[in-house]
């Protein structure tokens, strides 16, 4: 990345900013790093020395240490919400560098001791050839609306889809396409997510905070989008298959969900779990971290009666739709959760029973959320996988 020398940048920032951040500013010449103020130190022999300089002289936000040139880049304060992501990206593009996040102390208080990076958590072992398994226990009976932050990597089948500037727009679910191979080039999403999209979709696997991907997350472009041939009106047969340009390998953070049997019906009252990065309220914002909510499944017949009673323009089809909600509302999916998984735990693992499709607003009392019923599409899913997947026949 290009670094531009700035001679007296600190003094041009403004007195109010300097006062507010005075313990987080190193008053020396700076280098500019994608909008950040960076202190440059040479002849540093280790990341520990880089951290020591950071805490002793700067009170920094984070550092990058480049082993090959023995250079320590110190981030003194955040001038751009994307700065930390850029610092992490710099590390990914430089194999000999190390990124360390360091908290900036409150004015007048000592800095906490530096903490070196630790290896990513690996969770419990997952048997080869399995599906619907998680190495990290999933929180139960608990933003998605009215939900809470998921335990990181407890839903390893979740996919974050993005287009321009890596901004998340819909979810998806990774599935296994070959019982003998622990990788896949296929995931499932909602057809309405991609009805106006033909290219430039990237899928992020293994993510928890999709704005600050950790080491261990994998981003792969989508090669082909296959919506259900009978999809229409943003609701009916609202399911699509996404083919990756290359397979993603399964690991501690990346695992497939199980598929249901063809025609399988989820009993009324069954607890389902939904994950997503969607809005936390109908008119709210989307959190960067994965959230989850648990909802009881209701019969599609009673769900259809609710929509009909309220003069909703679509007639629900019980054969291809599934509903989940509390009558009083308060918990639901919302914009940004579309395409994501509704899973139900079975003796074999978590089964993808629904794909987030539509609803009337978000978490409104008396308005259930509607999901594409995956068990109704198993034949089409299997046929499509055979025709497009390079892993299925491997």
Protein backbone atom coordinates (compact mmCIF):
# COMPACT_ATOMS: atom_id res chain seq x y z
CA UNK A 1 0.00 0.00 0.00
CA UNK A 2 1.16 3.49 -0.79
CA UNK A 3 2.54 5.48 2.14
CA UNK A 4 2.82 9.27 1.79
CA UNK A 5 5.09 11.34 4.02
CA UNK A 6 3.32 14.07 5.99
CA UNK A 7 5.56 16.58 7.73
CA UNK A 8 3.42 18.28 10.33
CA UNK A 9 0.11 16.52 9.94
CA UNK A 10 -0.71 16.35 13.64
CA UNK A 11 -0.76 20.13 14.10
CA UNK A 12 -3.18 20.64 11.21
CA UNK A 13 -5.88 18.38 12.60
CA UNK A 14 -7.46 20.98 14.87
CA UNK A 15 -7.19 21.85 18.55
CA UNK A 16 -10.47 20.21 19.58
CA UNK A 17 -9.48 16.87 18.08
CA UNK A 18 -6.02 17.05 19.59
CA UNK A 19 -7.51 17.72 23.03
CA UNK A 20 -9.98 14.88 22.77
CA UNK A 21 -7.37 12.42 21.58
CA UNK A 22 -4.24 13.74 23.28
CA UNK A 23 -3.29 10.45 24.90
CA UNK A 24 -3.69 8.74 21.52
CA UNK A 25 -1.47 11.03 19.46
CA UNK A 26 2.24 10.62 19.04
CA UNK A 27 3.63 14.08 18.29
CA UNK A 28 6.18 13.08 15.69
CA UNK A 29 6.20 13.19 11.90
CA UNK A 30 3.65 10.80 10.47
CA UNK A 31 3.01 8.59 7.53
CA UNK A 32 -0.45 8.46 6.05
CA UNK A 33 -1.95 4.99 5.79
CA UNK A 34 -5.27 5.06 3.92
CA UNK A 35 -6.47 8.02 5.97
CA UNK A 36 -4.95 6.99 9.29
CA UNK A 37 -2.13 8.63 11.19
CA UNK A 38 0.70 6.17 11.41
CA UNK A 39 3.91 6.50 13.39
CA UNK A 40 6.80 4.83 11.57
CA UNK A 41 9.56 3.15 13.57
CA UNK A 42 12.47 1.30 12.02
CA UNK A 43 15.04 -1.12 13.48
CA UNK A 44 12.47 -2.98 15.55
CA UNK A 45 13.41 -6.62 16.02
CA UNK A 46 10.07 -8.13 17.02
CA UNK A 47 6.36 -7.57 17.30
CA UNK A 48 6.86 -7.33 21.08
CA UNK A 49 9.14 -4.30 20.63
CA UNK A 50 6.62 -2.79 18.26
CA UNK A 51 3.93 -3.18 20.91
CA UNK A 52 6.20 -1.70 23.56
CA UNK A 53 6.82 1.38 21.43
CA UNK A 54 3.15 1.63 20.69
CA UNK A 55 2.08 1.60 24.32
CA UNK A 56 4.99 3.69 25.64
CA UNK A 57 4.99 6.46 23.04
CA UNK A 58 1.68 6.53 21.24
CA UNK A 59 -1.22 5.00 23.11
CA UNK A 60 -2.18 3.48 19.81
CA UNK A 61 -5.25 1.77 18.38
CA UNK A 62 -3.37 -0.99 16.60
CA UNK A 63 -0.10 -1.86 14.89
CA UNK A 64 1.30 -3.66 11.89
CA UNK A 65 4.77 -5.14 12.27
CA UNK A 66 6.62 -6.06 9.07
CA UNK A 67 9.28 -8.64 9.89
CA UNK A 68 11.15 -8.38 6.59
CA UNK A 69 11.86 -4.65 6.93
CA UNK A 70 11.57 -4.52 10.75
CA UNK A 71 9.10 -1.67 10.52
CA UNK A 72 6.35 -0.89 12.99
CA UNK A 73 3.28 0.97 11.68
CA UNK A 74 1.37 2.53 14.56
CA UNK A 75 -2.29 3.55 14.19
CA UNK A 76 -2.76 6.45 16.59
CA UNK A 77 -6.46 7.12 16.11
CA UNK A 78 -9.31 6.23 13.83
CA UNK A 79 -10.11 8.86 11.23
CA UNK A 80 -12.08 6.48 9.06
CA UNK A 81 -14.44 3.68 10.09
CA UNK A 82 -12.80 1.42 7.54
CA UNK A 83 -9.25 1.99 8.80
CA UNK A 84 -8.94 -1.11 10.93
CA UNK A 85 -10.22 -3.22 8.04
CA UNK A 86 -7.52 -1.68 5.87
CA UNK A 87 -4.90 -2.52 8.47
CA UNK A 88 -6.06 -6.14 8.50
CA UNK A 89 -6.12 -6.22 4.70
CA UNK A 90 -2.53 -4.95 4.67
CA UNK A 91 -1.53 -7.92 6.79
CA UNK A 92 -3.26 -10.35 4.45
CA UNK A 93 -1.37 -8.89 1.52
CA UNK A 94 1.98 -9.06 3.34
CA UNK A 95 2.76 -12.55 4.57
CA UNK A 96 5.54 -11.39 6.89
CA UNK A 97 3.45 -8.83 8.75
CA UNK A 98 1.53 -9.10 12.00
CA UNK A 99 -1.60 -7.16 12.96
CA UNK A 100 -2.33 -6.44 16.63
CA UNK A 101 -5.29 -4.47 17.93
CA UNK A 102 -4.58 -2.30 21.00
CA UNK A 103 -7.19 -0.40 22.98
CA UNK A 104 -6.68 3.35 23.35
CA UNK A 105 -6.79 4.27 27.07
CA UNK A 106 -8.93 6.94 28.64
CA UNK A 107 -7.18 10.24 29.20
CA UNK A 108 -4.85 10.08 32.18
CA UNK A 109 -5.11 6.33 32.67
CA UNK A 110 -2.29 3.86 31.94
CA UNK A 111 -2.45 1.62 28.94
CA UNK A 112 -3.37 -2.03 29.45
CA UNK A 113 -0.55 -4.50 28.80
CA UNK A 114 -0.26 -5.43 25.12
CA UNK A 115 -1.82 -8.72 24.06
CA UNK A 116 -0.21 -10.68 21.26
CA UNK A 117 -2.42 -12.34 18.66
CA UNK A 118 -3.66 -15.80 19.56
CA UNK A 119 -4.52 -18.67 17.28
CA UNK A 120 -8.15 -18.70 16.10
CA UNK A 121 -10.42 -20.94 18.21
CA UNK A 122 -10.90 -24.37 16.70
CA UNK A 123 -13.83 -25.74 18.68
CA UNK A 124 -14.76 -29.40 19.07
CA UNK A 125 -13.64 -31.88 16.36
CA UNK A 126 -16.15 -32.41 13.56
CA UNK A 127 -16.29 -35.85 11.93
CA UNK A 128 -15.44 -36.01 8.24
CA UNK A 129 -18.39 -36.62 5.96
CA UNK A 130 -20.90 -35.07 8.39
CA UNK A 131 -23.38 -32.20 8.06
CA UNK A 132 -25.18 -29.86 10.41
CA UNK A 133 -22.38 -30.06 12.97
CA UNK A 134 -20.82 -27.15 14.86
CA UNK A 135 -17.61 -27.13 16.85
CA UNK A 136 -19.03 -24.31 18.98
CA UNK A 137 -22.18 -24.74 21.08
CA UNK A 138 -25.08 -22.70 19.77
CA UNK A 139 -26.87 -20.44 22.23
CA UNK A 140 -30.44 -21.60 22.65
CA UNK A 141 -33.85 -20.06 23.46
CA UNK A 142 -32.91 -16.55 22.97
CA UNK A 143 -29.83 -8.66 15.86
CA UNK A 144 -32.23 -10.26 13.68
CA UNK A 145 -35.14 -8.54 15.49
CA UNK A 146 -35.54 -9.46 19.16
CA UNK A 147 -32.55 -11.79 19.01
CA UNK A 148 -29.02 -11.53 20.28
CA UNK A 149 -25.48 -11.93 19.06
CA UNK A 150 -24.68 -15.50 18.09
CA UNK A 151 -21.77 -17.35 19.64
CA UNK A 152 -18.98 -16.86 17.05
CA UNK A 153 -18.77 -19.70 14.51
CA UNK A 154 -21.62 -21.70 16.09
CA UNK A 155 -23.49 -21.65 12.76
CA UNK A 156 -20.62 -22.62 10.41
CA UNK A 157 -22.95 -23.09 7.42
CA UNK A 158 -23.92 -19.39 7.29
CA UNK A 159 -22.90 -17.40 4.20
CA UNK A 160 -22.68 -13.62 3.82
CA UNK A 161 -23.27 -12.42 0.26
CA UNK A 162 -21.84 -9.10 -0.90
CA UNK A 163 -21.39 -7.11 -4.10
CA UNK A 164 -20.01 -3.57 -4.29
CA UNK A 165 -17.43 -2.61 -1.63
CA UNK A 166 -18.00 -5.88 0.20
CA UNK A 167 -21.34 -4.71 1.67
CA UNK A 168 -23.54 -7.58 2.89
CA UNK A 169 -26.93 -7.78 1.19
CA UNK A 170 -28.26 -11.33 1.79
CA UNK A 171 -27.48 -14.56 3.58
CA UNK A 172 -27.08 -18.11 2.38
CA UNK A 173 -26.43 -21.66 3.56
CA UNK A 174 -23.54 -23.91 2.62
CA UNK A 175 -24.56 -27.50 1.83
CA UNK A 176 -22.67 -30.74 1.25
CA UNK A 177 -22.75 -32.05 -2.33
CA UNK A 178 -20.57 -35.13 -1.95
CA UNK A 179 -20.53 -37.37 1.15
CA UNK A 180 -16.96 -38.45 0.40
CA UNK A 181 -15.47 -34.96 -0.04
CA UNK A 182 -15.13 -32.34 2.71
CA UNK A 183 -15.59 -29.32 0.46
CA UNK A 184 -18.41 -27.82 -1.56
CA UNK A 185 -18.96 -25.38 -4.41
CA UNK A 186 -22.69 -24.91 -3.73
CA UNK A 187 -24.76 -22.85 -1.32
CA UNK A 188 -28.45 -22.00 -1.17
CA UNK A 189 -30.08 -18.58 -0.90
CA UNK A 190 -33.40 -16.89 -1.73
CA UNK A 191 -34.24 -16.28 -5.38
CA UNK A 192 -35.46 -12.76 -4.61
CA UNK A 193 -31.95 -11.90 -3.38
CA UNK A 194 -30.48 -12.48 -6.82
CA UNK A 195 -33.36 -11.85 -9.25
CA UNK A 196 -31.72 -8.61 -10.45
CA UNK A 197 -28.15 -9.85 -10.04
CA UNK A 198 -26.20 -11.65 -12.74
CA UNK A 199 -22.58 -11.28 -11.62
CA UNK A 200 -20.06 -9.78 -9.17
CA UNK A 201 -21.38 -11.63 -6.13
CA UNK A 202 -18.89 -12.74 -3.47
CA UNK A 203 -19.65 -15.29 -0.76
CA UNK A 204 -17.97 -15.00 2.65
CA UNK A 205 -17.63 -18.19 4.70
CA UNK A 206 -16.65 -18.62 8.34
CA UNK A 207 -17.46 -15.02 9.26
CA UNK A 208 -18.84 -13.62 12.50
CA UNK A 209 -18.14 -9.90 12.05
CA UNK A 210 -18.50 -9.49 8.29
CA UNK A 211 -17.03 -5.97 8.40
CA UNK A 212 -13.82 -7.22 10.02
CA UNK A 213 -13.22 -10.75 8.75
CA UNK A 214 -10.86 -12.78 10.90
CA UNK A 215 -8.10 -15.04 9.80
CA UNK A 216 -9.91 -18.24 8.89
CA UNK A 217 -12.72 -16.64 6.90
CA UNK A 218 -12.83 -17.36 3.17
CA UNK A 219 -14.21 -15.14 0.39
CA UNK A 220 -15.00 -16.79 -2.95
CA UNK A 221 -16.72 -15.26 -6.01
CA UNK A 222 -19.92 -16.81 -7.32
CA UNK A 223 -19.62 -18.30 -10.81
CA UNK A 224 -23.25 -19.09 -11.54
CA UNK A 225 -26.67 -18.15 -10.15
CA UNK A 226 -29.53 -20.62 -10.66
CA UNK A 227 -32.93 -19.41 -9.36
CA UNK A 228 -35.76 -21.92 -9.17
CA UNK A 229 -37.38 -22.11 -12.63
CA UNK A 230 -40.83 -21.51 -11.13
CA UNK A 231 -39.84 -18.60 -8.92
CA UNK A 232 -42.21 -15.64 -9.19
CA UNK A 233 -43.62 -12.67 -7.31
CA UNK A 234 -40.80 -12.49 -4.75
CA UNK A 235 -42.34 -15.36 -2.79
CA UNK A 236 -43.25 -18.54 -4.64
CA UNK A 237 -40.41 -21.06 -4.96
CA UNK A 238 -38.16 -18.41 -3.44
CA UNK A 239 -34.94 -20.39 -3.59
CA UNK A 240 -31.76 -20.26 -5.66
CA UNK A 241 -28.59 -22.30 -5.97
CA UNK A 242 -25.24 -20.50 -6.08
CA UNK A 243 -22.23 -22.13 -7.74
CA UNK A 244 -18.79 -20.94 -6.58
CA UNK A 245 -15.82 -20.41 -8.89
CA UNK A 246 -13.93 -22.90 -6.72
CA UNK A 247 -14.87 -25.13 -3.79
CA UNK A 248 -14.61 -23.98 -0.19
CA UNK A 249 -12.96 -26.49 2.14
CA UNK A 250 -14.70 -27.48 5.36
CA UNK A 251 -12.98 -26.71 8.63
CA UNK A 252 -13.66 -25.58 12.22
CA UNK A 253 -15.47 -22.43 11.07
CA UNK A 254 -16.92 -23.70 7.80
CA UNK A 255 -19.33 -26.65 7.71
CA UNK A 256 -22.41 -27.58 5.66
CA UNK A 257 -25.95 -27.77 7.01
CA UNK A 258 -27.89 -30.98 6.44
CA UNK A 259 -30.67 -31.10 3.86
CA UNK A 260 -34.10 -32.48 4.84
CA UNK A 261 -35.74 -35.49 3.26
CA UNK A 262 -37.98 -34.76 0.30
CA UNK A 263 -41.44 -33.76 1.49
CA UNK A 264 -40.42 -33.62 5.17
CA UNK A 265 -42.82 -31.60 7.33
CA UNK A 266 -41.65 -29.79 10.46
CA UNK A 267 -44.20 -30.32 13.26
CA UNK A 268 -46.02 -27.30 14.68
CA UNK A 269 -44.31 -25.89 17.74
CA UNK A 270 -40.85 -27.14 16.75
CA UNK A 271 -38.13 -24.68 17.77
CA UNK A 272 -36.25 -23.32 14.79
CA UNK A 273 -33.13 -21.15 14.79
CA UNK A 274 -32.44 -18.37 12.29
CA UNK A 275 -29.13 -16.56 11.80
CA UNK A 276 -28.37 -13.38 9.90
CA UNK A 277 -26.76 -9.96 9.63
CA UNK A 278 -30.05 -8.18 8.95
CA UNK A 279 -31.59 -5.14 10.63
CA UNK A 280 -32.18 -5.25 14.37
CA UNK A 281 -35.49 -3.38 13.95
CA UNK A 282 -37.85 -2.61 11.08
CA UNK A 283 -36.42 0.88 10.69
CA UNK A 284 -33.14 0.06 12.36
CA UNK A 285 -29.58 -0.61 11.28
CA UNK A 286 -27.76 -3.84 10.57
CA UNK A 287 -25.20 -5.07 13.11
CA UNK A 288 -21.80 -6.17 11.77
CA UNK A 289 -21.86 -9.31 13.91
CA UNK A 290 -23.97 -12.40 13.29
CA UNK A 291 -27.21 -12.52 15.28
CA UNK A 292 -29.67 -15.31 15.91
CA UNK A 293 -33.22 -15.83 17.11
CA UNK A 294 -35.27 -18.89 17.99
CA UNK A 295 -38.87 -19.15 16.81
CA UNK A 296 -41.58 -21.83 16.95
CA UNK A 297 -42.77 -23.25 13.64
CA UNK A 298 -46.49 -22.76 12.96
CA UNK A 299 -48.57 -24.59 10.40
CA UNK A 300 -48.56 -22.95 6.99
CA UNK A 301 -52.36 -23.40 6.87
CA UNK A 302 -52.82 -21.19 9.95
CA UNK A 303 -50.16 -18.82 8.62
CA UNK A 304 -52.01 -18.57 5.28
CA UNK A 305 -55.25 -17.85 7.13
CA UNK A 306 -53.59 -14.92 8.93
CA UNK A 307 -52.38 -13.41 5.67
CA UNK A 308 -55.78 -13.94 4.00
CA UNK A 309 -57.64 -12.42 6.95
CA UNK A 310 -55.49 -9.29 6.68
CA UNK A 311 -56.05 -9.02 2.91
CA UNK A 312 -52.40 -9.67 2.05
CA UNK A 313 -52.09 -9.77 -1.78
CA UNK A 314 -50.26 -13.14 -1.86
CA UNK A 315 -51.92 -16.48 -1.20
CA UNK A 316 -49.54 -18.72 0.76
CA UNK A 317 -48.88 -22.20 -0.59
CA UNK A 318 -48.41 -24.67 2.30
CA UNK A 319 -46.54 -27.12 0.08
CA UNK A 320 -43.65 -24.78 -0.69
CA UNK A 321 -43.72 -22.39 2.29
CA UNK A 322 -43.02 -22.63 6.01
CA UNK A 323 -43.87 -20.12 8.74
CA UNK A 324 -42.36 -19.35 12.14
CA UNK A 325 -43.33 -16.72 14.71
CA UNK A 326 -44.58 -15.88 18.18
CA UNK A 327 -48.19 -14.58 18.06
CA UNK A 328 -47.18 -11.48 20.04
CA UNK A 329 -44.35 -10.69 17.61
CA UNK A 330 -41.16 -9.11 18.89
CA UNK A 331 -38.84 -11.69 17.32
CA UNK A 332 -38.34 -12.09 13.59
CA UNK A 333 -36.03 -11.76 10.63
CA UNK A 334 -35.69 -8.45 8.81
CA UNK A 335 -34.06 -6.80 5.78
CA UNK A 336 -30.61 -8.28 5.22
CA UNK A 337 -31.56 -11.68 6.65
CA UNK A 338 -33.14 -12.79 3.35
CA UNK A 339 -31.69 -15.97 1.90
CA UNK A 340 -30.34 -17.08 5.26
CA UNK A 341 -31.05 -20.38 7.01
CA UNK A 342 -33.85 -21.53 9.24
CA UNK A 343 -32.46 -24.69 10.82
CA UNK A 344 -33.96 -27.33 13.09
CA UNK A 345 -31.83 -29.61 15.22
CA UNK A 346 -32.16 -33.34 14.52
CA UNK A 347 -30.34 -36.43 15.76
CA UNK A 348 -27.89 -36.08 12.85
CA UNK A 349 -27.28 -32.34 13.13
CA UNK A 350 -28.87 -29.04 12.14
CA UNK A 351 -31.15 -29.38 9.12
CA UNK A 352 -31.89 -26.55 6.67
CA UNK A 353 -35.69 -26.53 6.69
CA UNK A 354 -36.31 -22.98 5.50
CA UNK A 355 -34.82 -20.08 3.54
CA UNK A 356 -35.72 -16.57 4.77
CA UNK A 357 -38.22 -15.23 2.23
CA UNK A 358 -40.67 -12.48 3.24
CA UNK A 359 -43.05 -11.04 5.83
CA UNK A 360 -45.16 -8.02 6.64
CA UNK A 361 -42.65 -5.65 8.18
CA UNK A 362 -40.40 -7.10 10.88
CA UNK A 363 -41.50 -8.71 14.15
CA UNK A 364 -45.01 -7.27 13.97
CA UNK A 365 -47.59 -8.92 16.22
CA UNK A 366 -49.85 -11.25 14.27
CA UNK A 367 -47.61 -11.37 11.19
CA UNK A 368 -45.51 -14.54 10.91
CA UNK A 369 -42.29 -14.71 8.95
CA UNK A 370 -42.47 -16.82 5.78
CA UNK A 371 -39.70 -19.13 4.56
CA UNK A 372 -39.19 -21.20 1.44
CA UNK A 373 -39.72 -24.84 2.43
CA UNK A 374 -36.50 -26.63 1.45
CA UNK A 375 -37.96 -30.14 1.68
CA UNK A 376 -40.30 -29.24 -1.19
CA UNK A 377 -37.33 -28.49 -3.46
CA UNK A 378 -35.01 -31.43 -2.76
CA UNK A 379 -35.44 -33.07 -6.16
CA UNK A 380 -34.69 -29.78 -7.96
CA UNK A 381 -31.74 -29.08 -5.65
CA UNK A 382 -30.20 -32.51 -6.26
CA UNK A 383 -30.72 -32.33 -10.03
CA UNK A 384 -29.19 -28.86 -10.21
CA UNK A 385 -26.20 -29.89 -8.10
CA UNK A 386 -25.50 -32.81 -10.44
CA UNK A 387 -25.60 -30.51 -13.46
CA UNK A 388 -23.39 -27.66 -12.19
CA UNK A 389 -21.20 -28.86 -9.29
CA UNK A 390 -17.64 -29.97 -9.99
CA UNK A 391 -17.43 -31.51 -6.51
CA UNK A 392 -20.57 -33.68 -6.62
CA UNK A 393 -19.02 -36.14 -9.05
CA UNK A 394 -15.52 -36.00 -7.55
